[in-house]
Protein backbone atom coordinates (compact mmCIF):
# COMPACT_ATOMS: atom_id res chain seq x y z
CA MET A 1 -31.93 243.93 139.65
CA LEU A 2 -33.90 243.96 142.85
CA ALA A 3 -37.45 243.36 142.68
CA ASN A 4 -40.03 245.76 144.30
CA GLY A 5 -42.12 244.05 147.23
CA SER A 6 -40.09 241.06 147.42
CA SER A 7 -39.86 239.25 150.49
CA ALA A 8 -36.16 238.59 152.88
CA ALA A 9 -34.30 235.77 151.14
CA ASP A 10 -35.77 236.38 147.95
CA VAL A 11 -33.14 235.38 145.04
CA SER A 12 -32.13 238.02 142.71
CA ASP A 13 -29.95 238.85 139.90
CA SER A 14 -27.87 236.59 137.43
CA PRO A 15 -24.87 233.97 138.68
CA GLY A 16 -21.92 233.91 136.34
CA MET A 17 -18.03 233.11 136.40
CA TYR A 18 -15.55 236.09 135.69
CA VAL A 19 -11.91 236.10 135.61
CA GLY A 20 -9.44 239.21 136.75
CA ALA A 21 -6.02 240.12 137.11
CA PHE A 22 -4.60 242.31 140.13
CA GLY A 23 -1.42 244.03 141.28
CA GLY A 24 -0.13 246.27 144.27
CA VAL A 25 2.53 246.93 146.74
CA GLY A 26 2.87 246.90 150.34
CA LEU A 27 4.79 245.21 153.01
CA LEU A 28 6.61 242.18 154.77
CA ASP A 29 6.11 242.60 158.59
CA GLU A 30 8.93 241.99 160.96
CA THR A 31 10.20 238.49 160.48
CA SER A 32 11.78 235.93 162.70
CA MET A 33 14.88 234.07 161.54
CA ARG A 34 17.44 231.14 162.97
CA GLN A 35 20.54 230.08 161.43
CA VAL A 36 21.98 226.87 162.70
CA GLY A 37 24.96 224.75 161.89
CA THR A 38 28.74 223.73 162.77
CA VAL A 39 31.74 224.77 162.04
CA ILE A 40 34.25 222.08 161.40
CA THR A 41 37.67 222.88 162.98
CA PRO A 42 40.81 220.60 162.43
CA PHE A 43 42.59 218.17 164.96
CA ILE A 44 41.03 217.74 168.49
CA VAL A 45 39.65 221.01 168.57
CA PRO A 46 36.04 220.93 169.26
CA ASP A 47 33.81 221.77 166.75
CA ILE A 48 32.02 224.90 166.92
CA ASN A 49 27.97 225.05 166.88
CA VAL A 50 26.70 228.09 165.63
CA ASP A 51 23.04 229.08 166.58
CA ALA A 52 22.06 232.81 165.49
CA ARG A 53 18.71 234.09 166.01
CA GLY A 54 17.31 237.31 165.16
CA SER A 55 14.76 239.03 163.11
CA ALA A 56 14.65 241.25 159.55
CA ASP A 57 12.76 244.54 159.68
CA SER A 58 9.59 245.30 157.48
CA VAL A 59 10.59 245.77 153.54
CA VAL A 60 8.42 246.18 150.52
CA ALA A 61 6.61 243.64 148.65
CA PRO A 62 4.80 243.31 145.48
CA ILE A 63 2.10 241.50 144.80
CA ALA A 64 0.76 240.19 141.17
CA GLY A 65 -2.48 237.50 140.52
CA LEU A 66 -5.00 236.37 138.62
CA GLN A 67 -8.45 235.22 139.84
CA LEU A 68 -11.12 232.98 138.66
CA GLY A 69 -14.61 232.87 140.26
CA TYR A 70 -18.33 232.22 140.39
CA GLU A 71 -21.07 234.92 141.75
CA PHE A 72 -24.13 233.19 142.95
CA ASN A 73 -27.36 234.94 143.16
CA GLN A 74 -28.07 237.83 145.21
CA TRP A 75 -30.15 237.40 148.41
CA ASP A 76 -32.73 240.16 149.03
CA VAL A 77 -32.54 241.15 152.49
CA SER A 78 -35.52 244.11 152.61
CA ALA A 79 -37.74 245.16 150.46
CA SER A 80 -35.66 248.68 150.23
CA GLY A 81 -32.99 247.56 148.13
CA TRP A 82 -30.22 245.57 150.43
CA SER A 83 -29.27 242.51 149.33
CA VAL A 84 -26.45 240.13 149.83
CA GLY A 85 -24.12 238.21 147.56
CA MET A 86 -21.45 235.60 147.34
CA ALA A 87 -18.66 234.32 145.16
CA ALA A 88 -16.27 231.13 145.14
CA GLU A 89 -13.02 231.81 144.09
CA ILE A 90 -9.52 230.79 143.16
CA GLU A 91 -6.50 233.13 143.02
CA GLY A 92 -2.73 232.19 142.07
CA LEU A 93 -0.78 235.36 143.25
CA TYR A 94 2.91 236.26 143.39
CA LEU A 95 4.82 238.33 146.18
CA GLY A 96 8.22 239.07 146.55
CA ALA A 97 10.26 240.92 149.08
CA LYS A 98 13.80 241.06 150.55
CA PRO A 99 14.07 240.50 154.32
CA LYS A 100 17.48 241.56 155.80
CA GLY A 101 18.13 239.90 159.38
CA VAL A 102 20.44 240.72 162.07
CA LEU A 103 20.76 237.48 164.40
CA ASP A 104 22.64 237.29 167.18
CA ILE A 105 25.37 234.68 167.57
CA ASP A 106 25.77 231.58 170.01
CA PRO A 107 28.62 231.25 170.85
CA GLN A 108 28.60 235.32 171.44
CA ALA A 109 31.91 235.71 170.72
CA LEU A 110 31.46 235.33 166.82
CA GLY A 111 29.48 238.52 167.04
CA THR A 112 26.94 239.28 164.60
CA GLN A 113 25.41 237.51 161.81
CA TYR A 114 23.73 239.24 158.46
CA VAL A 115 21.70 237.32 156.88
CA THR A 116 20.00 238.72 153.17
CA LEU A 117 17.33 236.33 151.99
CA PRO A 118 15.24 237.36 148.77
CA VAL A 119 11.73 235.81 148.70
CA SER A 120 9.49 234.95 146.20
CA VAL A 121 6.59 233.33 147.03
CA GLY A 122 3.88 231.83 144.43
CA ALA A 123 0.60 230.84 146.10
CA VAL A 124 -2.53 229.33 145.02
CA LEU A 125 -6.05 230.08 147.52
CA VAL A 126 -9.57 229.16 147.41
CA ASN A 127 -11.41 232.18 148.51
CA ALA A 128 -15.09 232.88 149.48
CA VAL A 129 -16.14 236.30 148.89
CA PHE A 130 -19.21 238.29 150.29
CA ASN A 131 -20.62 241.16 148.86
CA LEU A 132 -23.23 244.09 149.55
CA ARG A 133 -25.33 245.76 147.56
CA THR A 134 -27.33 249.05 148.60
CA PRO A 135 -29.84 251.28 147.37
CA TYR A 136 -27.25 254.27 147.05
CA SER A 137 -25.40 252.61 144.14
CA GLU A 138 -25.96 249.73 141.42
CA ALA A 139 -22.56 250.26 140.09
CA VAL A 140 -20.52 250.47 143.46
CA THR A 141 -20.43 246.87 145.46
CA PRO A 142 -18.32 246.57 149.05
CA TYR A 143 -17.00 243.50 149.63
CA ALA A 144 -14.89 240.91 151.88
CA GLY A 145 -13.53 237.72 151.49
CA ILE A 146 -11.21 234.98 153.20
CA GLY A 147 -9.44 232.46 151.53
CA ALA A 148 -7.04 229.77 152.34
CA GLY A 149 -4.31 227.72 150.48
CA TYR A 150 -0.57 226.68 149.84
CA GLY A 151 2.27 228.99 149.48
CA ALA A 152 5.81 227.42 147.62
CA VAL A 153 8.46 230.22 148.81
CA PHE A 154 11.79 230.22 146.84
CA ILE A 155 14.83 231.86 147.88
CA ASN A 156 17.21 232.57 145.21
CA GLY A 157 20.62 234.43 145.92
CA SER A 158 20.66 234.15 149.68
CA ASN A 159 23.93 235.47 151.53
CA SER A 160 25.13 235.13 154.92
CA THR A 161 28.04 237.10 156.43
CA ASN A 162 29.74 238.64 159.41
CA PRO A 163 31.84 241.51 159.39
CA SER A 164 34.36 239.84 160.99
CA GLU A 165 35.00 237.70 157.91
CA PRO A 166 34.41 240.40 155.08
CA GLY A 167 33.91 238.69 151.74
CA ILE A 168 32.54 235.15 152.92
CA ASN A 169 28.90 234.41 152.46
CA HIS A 170 28.22 231.33 154.73
CA PHE A 171 25.96 230.10 151.97
CA ASN A 172 28.32 229.71 149.31
CA SER A 173 28.32 226.68 148.16
CA GLU A 174 24.43 226.38 147.71
CA PRO A 175 22.85 229.85 148.27
CA ASP A 176 19.22 228.77 146.58
CA ALA A 177 16.44 226.65 148.82
CA SER A 178 12.84 226.55 148.69
CA SER A 179 9.83 225.65 151.13
CA GLY A 180 6.16 226.16 151.38
CA GLY A 181 3.56 225.81 153.98
CA LEU A 182 0.07 227.34 154.76
CA ALA A 183 -1.19 230.28 153.14
CA LEU A 184 -4.29 232.41 154.56
CA GLN A 185 -5.61 235.47 153.64
CA ALA A 186 -8.28 238.42 154.13
CA LYS A 187 -9.30 241.04 151.87
CA ILE A 188 -11.71 244.08 152.01
CA GLY A 189 -12.54 246.53 148.94
CA ILE A 190 -14.88 248.03 146.59
CA ARG A 191 -15.62 247.15 143.09
CA ALA A 192 -17.11 249.85 140.52
CA ASP A 193 -18.91 248.45 137.22
CA VAL A 194 -17.49 250.24 134.43
CA THR A 195 -19.82 248.13 131.50
CA SER A 196 -22.15 245.11 131.90
CA ASN A 197 -19.08 243.05 131.37
CA TRP A 198 -16.28 245.25 133.05
CA SER A 199 -15.49 246.46 136.55
CA VAL A 200 -12.72 247.53 138.28
CA PHE A 201 -11.76 246.92 141.81
CA THR A 202 -9.44 248.09 144.82
CA GLU A 203 -9.06 246.50 147.98
CA TYR A 204 -6.48 246.10 151.12
CA ARG A 205 -5.63 242.59 151.41
CA HIS A 206 -3.76 240.69 154.09
CA VAL A 207 -1.64 237.38 153.33
CA TYR A 208 -0.68 235.24 155.74
CA ILE A 209 2.40 232.43 155.02
CA ALA A 210 3.29 230.17 157.62
CA SER A 211 6.58 229.22 159.32
CA THR A 212 9.31 227.37 156.61
CA ASP A 213 12.50 225.88 156.88
CA TYR A 214 15.24 225.68 154.56
CA THR A 215 18.78 224.53 154.04
CA PHE A 216 21.75 226.20 152.44
CA GLY A 217 25.26 224.76 151.45
CA GLN A 218 27.90 224.55 153.53
CA THR A 219 30.70 227.21 153.36
CA ASP A 220 33.22 226.64 151.01
CA TYR A 221 36.70 228.80 150.96
CA PRO A 222 39.14 226.09 151.17
CA GLY A 223 42.18 228.27 152.76
CA GLU A 224 40.27 230.76 153.76
CA HIS A 225 37.14 229.55 155.98
CA LEU A 226 37.09 226.84 158.18
CA PRO A 227 34.78 224.41 156.36
CA THR A 228 31.06 223.85 157.87
CA THR A 229 28.38 221.57 157.56
CA LYS A 230 25.16 222.48 155.47
CA TRP A 231 23.02 225.64 157.27
CA ASN A 232 19.70 225.16 158.57
CA VAL A 233 17.44 228.86 158.44
CA ASP A 234 14.39 228.86 159.90
CA VAL A 235 11.97 231.88 158.85
CA GLY A 236 8.86 232.61 161.01
CA GLN A 237 5.63 233.37 159.72
CA GLN A 238 5.16 236.03 156.89
CA ASN A 239 2.56 238.71 157.26
CA TYR A 240 1.99 241.16 154.07
CA ASN A 241 -0.47 243.63 154.32
CA LEU A 242 -0.80 245.01 150.48
CA TRP A 243 -2.91 247.65 148.82
CA VAL A 244 -4.39 245.90 145.70
CA SER A 245 -6.15 247.04 142.62
CA GLY A 246 -7.39 245.20 139.64
CA LEU A 247 -9.97 244.53 136.73
CA THR A 248 -12.36 242.01 136.56
CA TYR A 249 -14.44 240.57 133.21
CA HIS A 250 -17.80 238.83 134.07
CA PHE A 251 -19.17 236.53 131.87
């Protein structure tokens, strides 16, 4: 609690550890895609280099995660009941999405490629969270945080089709792949104390996963489709806009 008559930068409130769990849903923004490979032609006919580029529209994305943090002492910023606090936090979170890309092919004679990538992201982030105590409520605390870490991206059961070749998944010999990259996030929300140990929170958070690259298997339909090399797929940065609610236990 804030002490009456305390000067600016006085330390108050007891520090402590906390654990939490959260979940929610949001959207994965439009994401760029590129598929590159080579169709191997027979005899002296030149091989066909395929370069398909496009994007996937925004899709629904669920989120779930756990957090472990340590909340430091509050710092009084005035004698009227305002104080600022900080917490250091580590979070593990899961994100899921199923972007479906529409890619224009070069050479143009091959038409359009439709690529579906069921994405699962497992990310670990270290966060700095700042909160503001006000004289209006001891139980309700607004906060904001930023974090950085690593996101591992897994794609299982991908599909790459072309209307001119019905029934052909061009990744059929190996439709699974994985990659990873930098993960960043920002969040802003409100925490409400339920008891001296338990609190609930609701927040908006933005999660960013850097561009990733994948290698899928060659097209393998003997007698039905010309053989190909393995396919390389580049996925642009993933931006998730999410609404999250959770429960926290303070030790």
